[in-house]
Amino acid sequence: MRAVVIHTPGHYEVTTVADPTPGPGEVVIAPAAVGICGTDAHIVDGEFAPTPYPIIPGHEFTGEVLALGTGVTGLRIGEQVAVDPSLFCGACHFCAIGRGNLCENWGAIGDTVDGAMAEYVKVPAANCYRLPESIEVSQGTLIEPLSCAVRGFDVLPRRLGDHYLIYGAGTMGLMMLQLARTAGAASLSVVDLNTDRLRVAEQLGADATAVSAAQLDRPQGWETVIDCTGAIPVIEDGLTRVRRGGTFQQFGVAPSAAAASFSPFKVYNDEITIVGSMAVLHSFGRAVDLMAKGVIDADTMITHRYALDDFGTALQTFRQGTGRKIQICPQA
């Protein structure tokens, strides 16, 4: 089969590799569409510590079931599915207490084992979710990032009538915006340096947008502030924008060695809650249901589709911040 193979950091190619064979409890999928996200860029650059090399990337994907391993009874050949890439060991302390996203032996399809930037991919059958008829197979690639956003909301207060400030109008910021609108936000403000993305945020329900939070008229602050950038100056600014008694969420991925400065006295005196949110946890099925309901505007979110051989161009488009969700279509 044809696949994108990252041999070592910075060195990748589209080449021919052996077809996967499903083991017990596994299925082989023919990916119809695969989303590119920041993690893929980090893997290409050698900046994602869990990744071994060589590896086939791709963890946001949907496709058709082609082959069943022994013991698989809940799926049929020909079904269209979305795949939760999470691979938890099930035996460590965190898995035992239901916090698999913190698994001591954490893994993920496309991150630590071969993924879907290929004509075929092998996955656990238990990770497959049938696509409802209302979800087009190419749009189903949004389910994985949406499941991360749903996890983010699991650890937020989600009070009706809260005022939200979201930093970043990329894929995740726009998803958090749409979920906050559904969750009953009183107002939604979005900050991004890219004015084209701010216009999309307005289209999707933002009440106010700006290239700096200082330009927004809310001197008392926001009850919920969410960073979807991982940029240290943005995080430091966001921590100053939380209303007394409010919550700051670190959703964007900062470099592992980065450090941010903040006022411990303000956190104490204003009773500010700081929460993190990492990957997917008991949220993939709910993301399927939310996509089926139309909570996410998939047509607006997906802007570029490329063939497998055009992976390099797709990655460059992603790095330039052009468009929103960018896909690879391995069967094209």
Protein backbone atom coordinates (compact mmCIF):
# COMPACT_ATOMS: atom_id res chain seq x y z
CA MET A 1 0.00 0.00 0.00
CA ARG A 2 0.97 3.66 -0.34
CA ALA A 3 1.61 5.58 2.87
CA VAL A 4 3.24 8.68 4.31
CA VAL A 5 6.24 7.49 6.32
CA ILE A 6 8.16 9.80 8.65
CA HIS A 7 11.51 8.04 8.81
CA THR A 8 13.21 10.46 11.22
CA PRO A 9 12.34 13.98 12.36
CA GLY A 10 12.24 16.24 9.32
CA HIS A 11 12.47 13.38 6.82
CA TYR A 12 9.31 11.89 5.32
CA GLU A 13 8.14 10.46 2.01
CA VAL A 14 5.15 8.87 0.36
CA THR A 15 6.24 5.32 -0.34
CA THR A 16 5.09 1.70 -0.57
CA VAL A 17 4.89 -0.41 2.60
CA ALA A 18 3.33 -3.75 3.51
CA ASP A 19 -0.45 -3.96 3.86
CA PRO A 20 -1.64 -4.37 7.48
CA THR A 21 -3.28 -7.60 8.62
CA PRO A 22 -5.86 -7.49 11.44
CA GLY A 23 -5.07 -9.45 14.57
CA PRO A 24 -7.62 -10.71 17.11
CA GLY A 25 -10.07 -7.92 17.99
CA GLU A 26 -8.77 -5.69 15.19
CA VAL A 27 -10.09 -4.42 11.87
CA VAL A 28 -8.50 -2.93 8.78
CA ILE A 29 -9.92 0.40 7.62
CA ALA A 30 -9.56 2.13 4.26
CA PRO A 31 -9.29 5.77 5.38
CA ALA A 32 -11.53 8.10 3.36
CA ALA A 33 -10.22 11.31 4.92
CA VAL A 34 -7.59 12.19 7.50
CA GLY A 35 -7.30 15.55 9.24
CA ILE A 36 -3.96 17.27 9.83
CA CYS A 37 -3.43 18.87 13.22
CA GLY A 38 -0.63 20.44 15.23
CA THR A 39 0.42 17.08 16.66
CA ASP A 40 1.22 15.84 13.15
CA ALA A 41 3.48 18.85 12.59
CA HIS A 42 5.19 18.22 15.95
CA ILE A 43 5.76 14.58 14.96
CA VAL A 44 7.31 15.61 11.64
CA ASP A 45 9.58 18.02 13.53
CA GLY A 46 10.53 15.51 16.24
CA GLU A 47 8.79 17.56 18.94
CA PHE A 48 6.32 14.93 20.21
CA ALA A 49 8.18 12.84 22.78
CA PRO A 50 6.07 9.63 22.71
CA THR A 51 6.56 9.09 18.96
CA PRO A 52 8.90 6.32 17.75
CA TYR A 53 10.32 6.43 14.23
CA PRO A 54 9.65 5.44 11.55
CA ILE A 55 5.89 6.02 11.78
CA ILE A 56 2.86 6.58 9.57
CA PRO A 57 1.01 9.62 10.98
CA GLY A 58 -2.72 10.35 10.98
CA HIS A 59 -5.04 10.18 14.00
CA GLU A 60 -8.15 12.12 12.88
CA PHE A 61 -9.86 9.81 10.41
CA THR A 62 -12.88 8.00 9.09
CA GLY A 63 -13.18 5.19 6.59
CA GLU A 64 -14.64 1.90 5.46
CA VAL A 65 -14.19 -1.40 7.26
CA LEU A 66 -12.37 -3.76 4.87
CA ALA A 67 -11.32 -6.75 6.99
CA LEU A 68 -12.19 -8.24 10.37
CA GLY A 69 -9.83 -10.01 12.74
CA THR A 70 -10.90 -13.02 14.77
CA GLY A 71 -13.35 -12.30 17.56
CA VAL A 72 -14.79 -9.13 16.01
CA THR A 73 -18.57 -9.32 16.10
CA GLY A 74 -19.83 -5.74 16.42
CA LEU A 75 -18.78 -4.48 12.99
CA ARG A 76 -19.46 -5.48 9.39
CA ILE A 77 -17.33 -5.16 6.28
CA GLY A 78 -18.41 -2.09 4.32
CA GLU A 79 -19.50 0.01 7.31
CA GLN A 80 -18.29 3.60 7.57
CA VAL A 81 -16.68 4.37 10.92
CA ALA A 82 -14.86 7.08 12.84
CA VAL A 83 -11.96 5.88 14.96
CA ASP A 84 -10.96 6.99 18.45
CA PRO A 85 -7.15 6.90 18.24
CA SER A 86 -6.67 6.51 22.01
CA LEU A 87 -4.66 3.49 23.15
CA PHE A 88 -4.76 3.13 26.95
CA CYS A 89 -2.99 0.26 28.67
CA GLY A 90 -5.90 -0.50 31.02
CA ALA A 91 -3.54 -1.65 33.79
CA CYS A 92 -1.86 1.43 35.29
CA HIS A 93 -3.06 3.56 38.20
CA PHE A 94 -4.71 6.19 35.99
CA CYS A 95 -6.52 3.67 33.83
CA ALA A 96 -7.77 1.98 37.01
CA ILE A 97 -9.34 5.24 38.23
CA GLY A 98 -10.90 6.06 34.86
CA ARG A 99 -8.33 8.64 33.74
CA GLY A 100 -7.00 6.84 30.69
CA ASN A 101 -5.93 10.07 28.99
CA LEU A 102 -3.25 10.26 31.72
CA CYS A 103 -2.24 6.62 31.15
CA GLU A 104 1.32 5.88 32.23
CA ASN A 105 1.74 3.90 29.00
CA TRP A 106 -0.30 6.27 26.83
CA GLY A 107 -0.40 5.66 23.11
CA ALA A 108 -2.46 6.68 20.10
CA ILE A 109 -2.97 5.55 16.53
CA GLY A 110 -0.89 7.84 14.33
CA ASP A 111 1.12 9.14 17.30
CA THR A 112 2.82 6.05 18.74
CA VAL A 113 1.73 3.35 16.26
CA ASP A 114 1.08 3.57 12.52
CA GLY A 115 -1.85 5.77 11.60
CA ALA A 116 -4.18 6.62 8.76
CA MET A 117 -2.05 8.60 6.28
CA ALA A 118 -2.14 5.46 4.18
CA GLU A 119 -4.41 3.44 1.94
CA TYR A 120 -5.11 1.07 4.85
CA VAL A 121 -4.74 1.15 8.63
CA LYS A 122 -5.13 -1.48 11.35
CA VAL A 123 -7.10 -0.43 14.47
CA PRO A 124 -8.81 -2.03 17.49
CA ALA A 125 -12.44 -2.79 16.68
CA ALA A 126 -13.42 -1.37 20.08
CA ASN A 127 -12.19 2.06 18.94
CA CYS A 128 -14.57 2.20 15.97
CA TYR A 129 -17.83 4.16 16.01
CA ARG A 130 -20.37 3.75 13.23
CA LEU A 131 -21.06 6.99 11.40
CA PRO A 132 -24.71 8.07 11.48
CA GLU A 133 -26.18 8.68 8.03
CA SER A 134 -26.36 12.41 8.75
CA ILE A 135 -22.55 12.65 8.88
CA GLU A 136 -20.67 12.62 5.58
CA VAL A 137 -17.63 10.39 5.83
CA SER A 138 -15.20 13.22 5.05
CA GLN A 139 -16.82 15.42 7.70
CA GLY A 140 -16.48 12.65 10.24
CA THR A 141 -12.77 13.48 10.59
CA LEU A 142 -13.89 16.38 12.78
CA ILE A 143 -15.17 13.95 15.42
CA GLU A 144 -11.71 13.31 16.90
CA PRO A 145 -10.82 16.98 17.49
CA LEU A 146 -14.39 17.57 18.64
CA SER A 147 -13.98 14.77 21.20
CA CYS A 148 -10.95 16.66 22.57
CA ALA A 149 -13.07 19.81 22.82
CA VAL A 150 -15.84 17.88 24.58
CA ARG A 151 -13.26 16.68 27.09
CA GLY A 152 -12.27 20.31 27.57
CA PHE A 153 -15.84 21.20 28.48
CA ASP A 154 -16.02 18.26 30.88
CA VAL A 155 -13.56 20.06 33.16
CA LEU A 156 -15.13 23.54 32.84
CA PRO A 157 -17.92 24.84 35.11
CA ARG A 158 -20.33 25.23 32.13
CA ARG A 159 -22.61 27.66 33.92
CA LEU A 160 -25.47 29.11 31.90
CA GLY A 161 -24.92 32.78 31.18
CA ASP A 162 -21.13 32.84 31.56
CA HIS A 163 -19.04 35.16 29.40
CA TYR A 164 -16.30 33.36 27.45
CA LEU A 165 -12.98 34.61 26.09
CA ILE A 166 -11.23 32.24 23.66
CA TYR A 167 -7.68 32.78 22.44
CA GLY A 168 -7.12 31.29 18.99
CA ALA A 169 -9.53 30.92 16.07
CA GLY A 170 -8.00 27.82 14.52
CA THR A 171 -9.81 24.49 14.43
CA MET A 172 -9.89 23.97 18.19
CA GLY A 173 -10.74 27.55 19.08
CA LEU A 174 -13.64 27.51 16.62
CA MET A 175 -14.86 24.21 18.04
CA MET A 176 -14.71 25.54 21.60
CA LEU A 177 -16.61 28.59 20.38
CA GLN A 178 -19.40 26.47 18.89
CA LEU A 179 -19.63 24.28 21.99
CA ALA A 180 -19.75 27.34 24.26
CA ARG A 181 -22.58 28.75 22.17
CA THR A 182 -24.45 25.46 22.57
CA ALA A 183 -23.67 25.40 26.32
CA GLY A 184 -25.53 28.68 26.91
CA ALA A 185 -22.80 31.33 26.94
CA ALA A 186 -24.02 34.88 27.53
CA SER A 187 -21.29 36.25 25.27
CA LEU A 188 -18.41 34.88 23.21
CA SER A 189 -15.23 36.86 22.55
CA VAL A 190 -12.40 35.55 20.36
CA VAL A 191 -8.83 36.81 19.99
CA ASP A 192 -6.54 35.89 17.09
CA LEU A 193 -3.85 37.68 15.09
CA ASN A 194 -5.32 36.31 11.85
CA THR A 195 -8.18 38.61 10.86
CA ASP A 196 -9.49 36.12 8.28
CA ARG A 197 -9.98 33.62 11.08
CA LEU A 198 -11.72 36.25 13.20
CA ARG A 199 -14.26 36.77 10.42
CA VAL A 200 -14.98 33.04 10.48
CA ALA A 201 -15.37 33.21 14.28
CA GLU A 202 -17.98 35.93 13.81
CA GLN A 203 -19.74 33.78 11.23
CA LEU A 204 -19.85 30.93 13.76
CA GLY A 205 -21.33 33.00 16.56
CA ALA A 206 -18.66 35.18 18.19
CA ASP A 207 -20.13 38.35 19.65
CA ALA A 208 -16.81 40.21 19.65
CA THR A 209 -13.42 39.60 18.02
CA ALA A 210 -10.07 41.36 18.20
CA VAL A 211 -6.36 40.87 17.63
CA SER A 212 -5.78 41.68 21.31
CA ALA A 213 -7.94 41.17 24.39
CA ALA A 214 -7.03 44.75 25.37
CA GLN A 215 -9.25 45.92 22.50
CA LEU A 216 -12.32 44.21 23.94
CA ASP A 217 -14.68 46.09 26.21
CA ARG A 218 -14.97 43.95 29.31
CA PRO A 219 -12.86 45.49 32.07
CA GLN A 220 -14.33 43.19 34.73
CA GLY A 221 -12.99 40.15 32.88
CA TRP A 222 -14.54 36.90 31.70
CA GLU A 223 -15.85 34.01 33.82
CA THR A 224 -14.25 31.49 31.45
CA VAL A 225 -11.00 32.09 29.56
CA ILE A 226 -9.71 29.35 27.25
CA ASP A 227 -6.29 29.30 25.62
CA CYS A 228 -6.26 27.33 22.36
CA THR A 229 -2.85 28.57 21.18
CA GLY A 230 -0.21 27.23 23.55
CA ALA A 231 1.69 30.51 23.08
CA ILE A 232 3.29 31.72 26.31
CA PRO A 233 2.56 35.47 25.84
CA VAL A 234 -1.07 34.59 25.14
CA ILE A 235 -1.30 32.38 28.23
CA GLU A 236 0.21 35.09 30.42
CA ASP A 237 -2.26 37.64 29.05
CA GLY A 238 -5.20 35.27 29.42
CA LEU A 239 -4.50 34.69 33.11
CA THR A 240 -4.95 38.42 33.68
CA ARG A 241 -8.35 38.45 31.94
CA VAL A 242 -10.19 36.03 34.24
CA ARG A 243 -12.99 37.55 36.27
CA ARG A 244 -12.83 37.04 40.04
CA GLY A 245 -14.07 33.54 40.82
CA GLY A 246 -13.60 32.50 37.20
CA THR A 247 -11.74 29.73 35.37
CA PHE A 248 -8.73 29.68 33.06
CA GLN A 249 -8.32 26.61 30.89
CA GLN A 250 -5.03 25.57 29.30
CA PHE A 251 -6.27 23.76 26.21
CA GLY A 252 -3.57 24.67 23.67
CA VAL A 253 -0.33 22.69 23.67
CA ALA A 254 2.71 24.65 24.81
CA PRO A 255 6.28 23.36 24.37
CA SER A 256 7.11 20.95 27.19
CA ALA A 257 9.98 23.08 28.48
CA ALA A 258 8.12 26.40 28.31
CA ALA A 259 7.28 28.38 31.44
CA ALA A 260 4.74 31.17 31.98
CA SER A 261 4.66 33.88 34.64
CA PHE A 262 1.54 34.75 36.60
CA SER A 263 0.51 36.32 39.88
CA PRO A 264 -0.01 33.69 42.61
CA PHE A 265 -1.59 36.40 44.74
CA LYS A 266 -4.23 37.07 42.07
CA VAL A 267 -5.01 33.36 41.80
CA TYR A 268 -5.41 33.24 45.59
CA ASN A 269 -7.18 36.54 46.12
CA ASP A 270 -9.57 36.20 43.15
CA GLU A 271 -10.16 32.49 43.68
CA ILE A 272 -9.22 31.70 40.09
CA THR A 273 -9.41 28.09 39.00
CA ILE A 274 -6.78 26.88 36.51
CA VAL A 275 -7.54 23.63 34.68
CA GLY A 276 -5.86 21.64 31.94
CA SER A 277 -7.43 19.38 29.35
CA MET A 278 -5.50 16.65 27.55
CA ALA A 279 -6.74 14.62 24.58
CA VAL A 280 -9.80 12.37 24.67
CA LEU A 281 -11.55 10.80 27.67
CA HIS A 282 -15.00 9.16 27.52
CA SER A 283 -15.92 11.82 24.96
CA PHE A 284 -15.68 10.25 21.50
CA GLY A 285 -19.20 8.82 21.42
CA ARG A 286 -20.66 12.11 22.60
CA ALA A 287 -18.72 13.89 19.85
CA VAL A 288 -20.35 11.56 17.30
CA ASP A 289 -23.78 12.51 18.66
CA LEU A 290 -22.98 16.24 18.61
CA MET A 291 -21.74 16.04 15.02
CA ALA A 292 -24.91 14.17 14.03
CA LYS A 293 -26.98 16.91 15.64
CA GLY A 294 -25.16 19.59 13.62
CA VAL A 295 -23.57 21.39 16.57
CA ILE A 296 -20.40 21.87 14.49
CA ASP A 297 -20.57 23.63 11.10
CA ALA A 298 -18.53 21.06 9.18
CA ASP A 299 -18.77 22.84 5.83
CA THR A 300 -17.14 25.93 7.30
CA MET A 301 -14.52 23.99 9.27
CA ILE A 302 -13.10 21.91 6.38
CA THR A 303 -11.39 24.05 3.74
CA HIS A 304 -8.72 21.95 1.97
CA ARG A 305 -8.51 18.39 0.68
CA TYR A 306 -5.36 16.82 -0.77
CA ALA A 307 -4.36 13.45 -2.21
CA LEU A 308 -1.92 11.25 -0.30
CA ASP A 309 0.96 12.19 -2.60
CA ASP A 310 0.38 15.85 -1.74
CA PHE A 311 1.07 15.42 1.98
CA GLY A 312 3.99 17.88 1.84
CA THR A 313 1.82 20.57 0.27
CA ALA A 314 -0.95 19.93 2.79
CA LEU A 315 1.50 20.21 5.69
CA GLN A 316 2.88 23.47 4.29
CA THR A 317 -0.66 24.85 3.94
CA PHE A 318 -1.31 23.93 7.56
CA ARG A 319 1.88 25.61 8.77
CA GLN A 320 1.00 28.80 6.89
CA GLY A 321 -2.30 29.05 8.77
CA THR A 322 -4.17 29.08 5.46
CA GLY A 323 -7.72 27.80 5.80
CA ARG A 324 -8.97 25.77 8.71
CA LYS A 325 -9.15 21.97 8.81
CA ILE A 326 -6.96 20.42 6.12
CA GLN A 327 -7.49 16.83 5.02
CA ILE A 328 -5.64 14.08 3.24
CA CYS A 329 -7.84 11.72 1.18
CA PRO A 330 -5.82 8.47 0.83
CA GLN A 331 -8.22 6.85 -1.65
CA ALA A 332 -8.19 9.81 -4.08
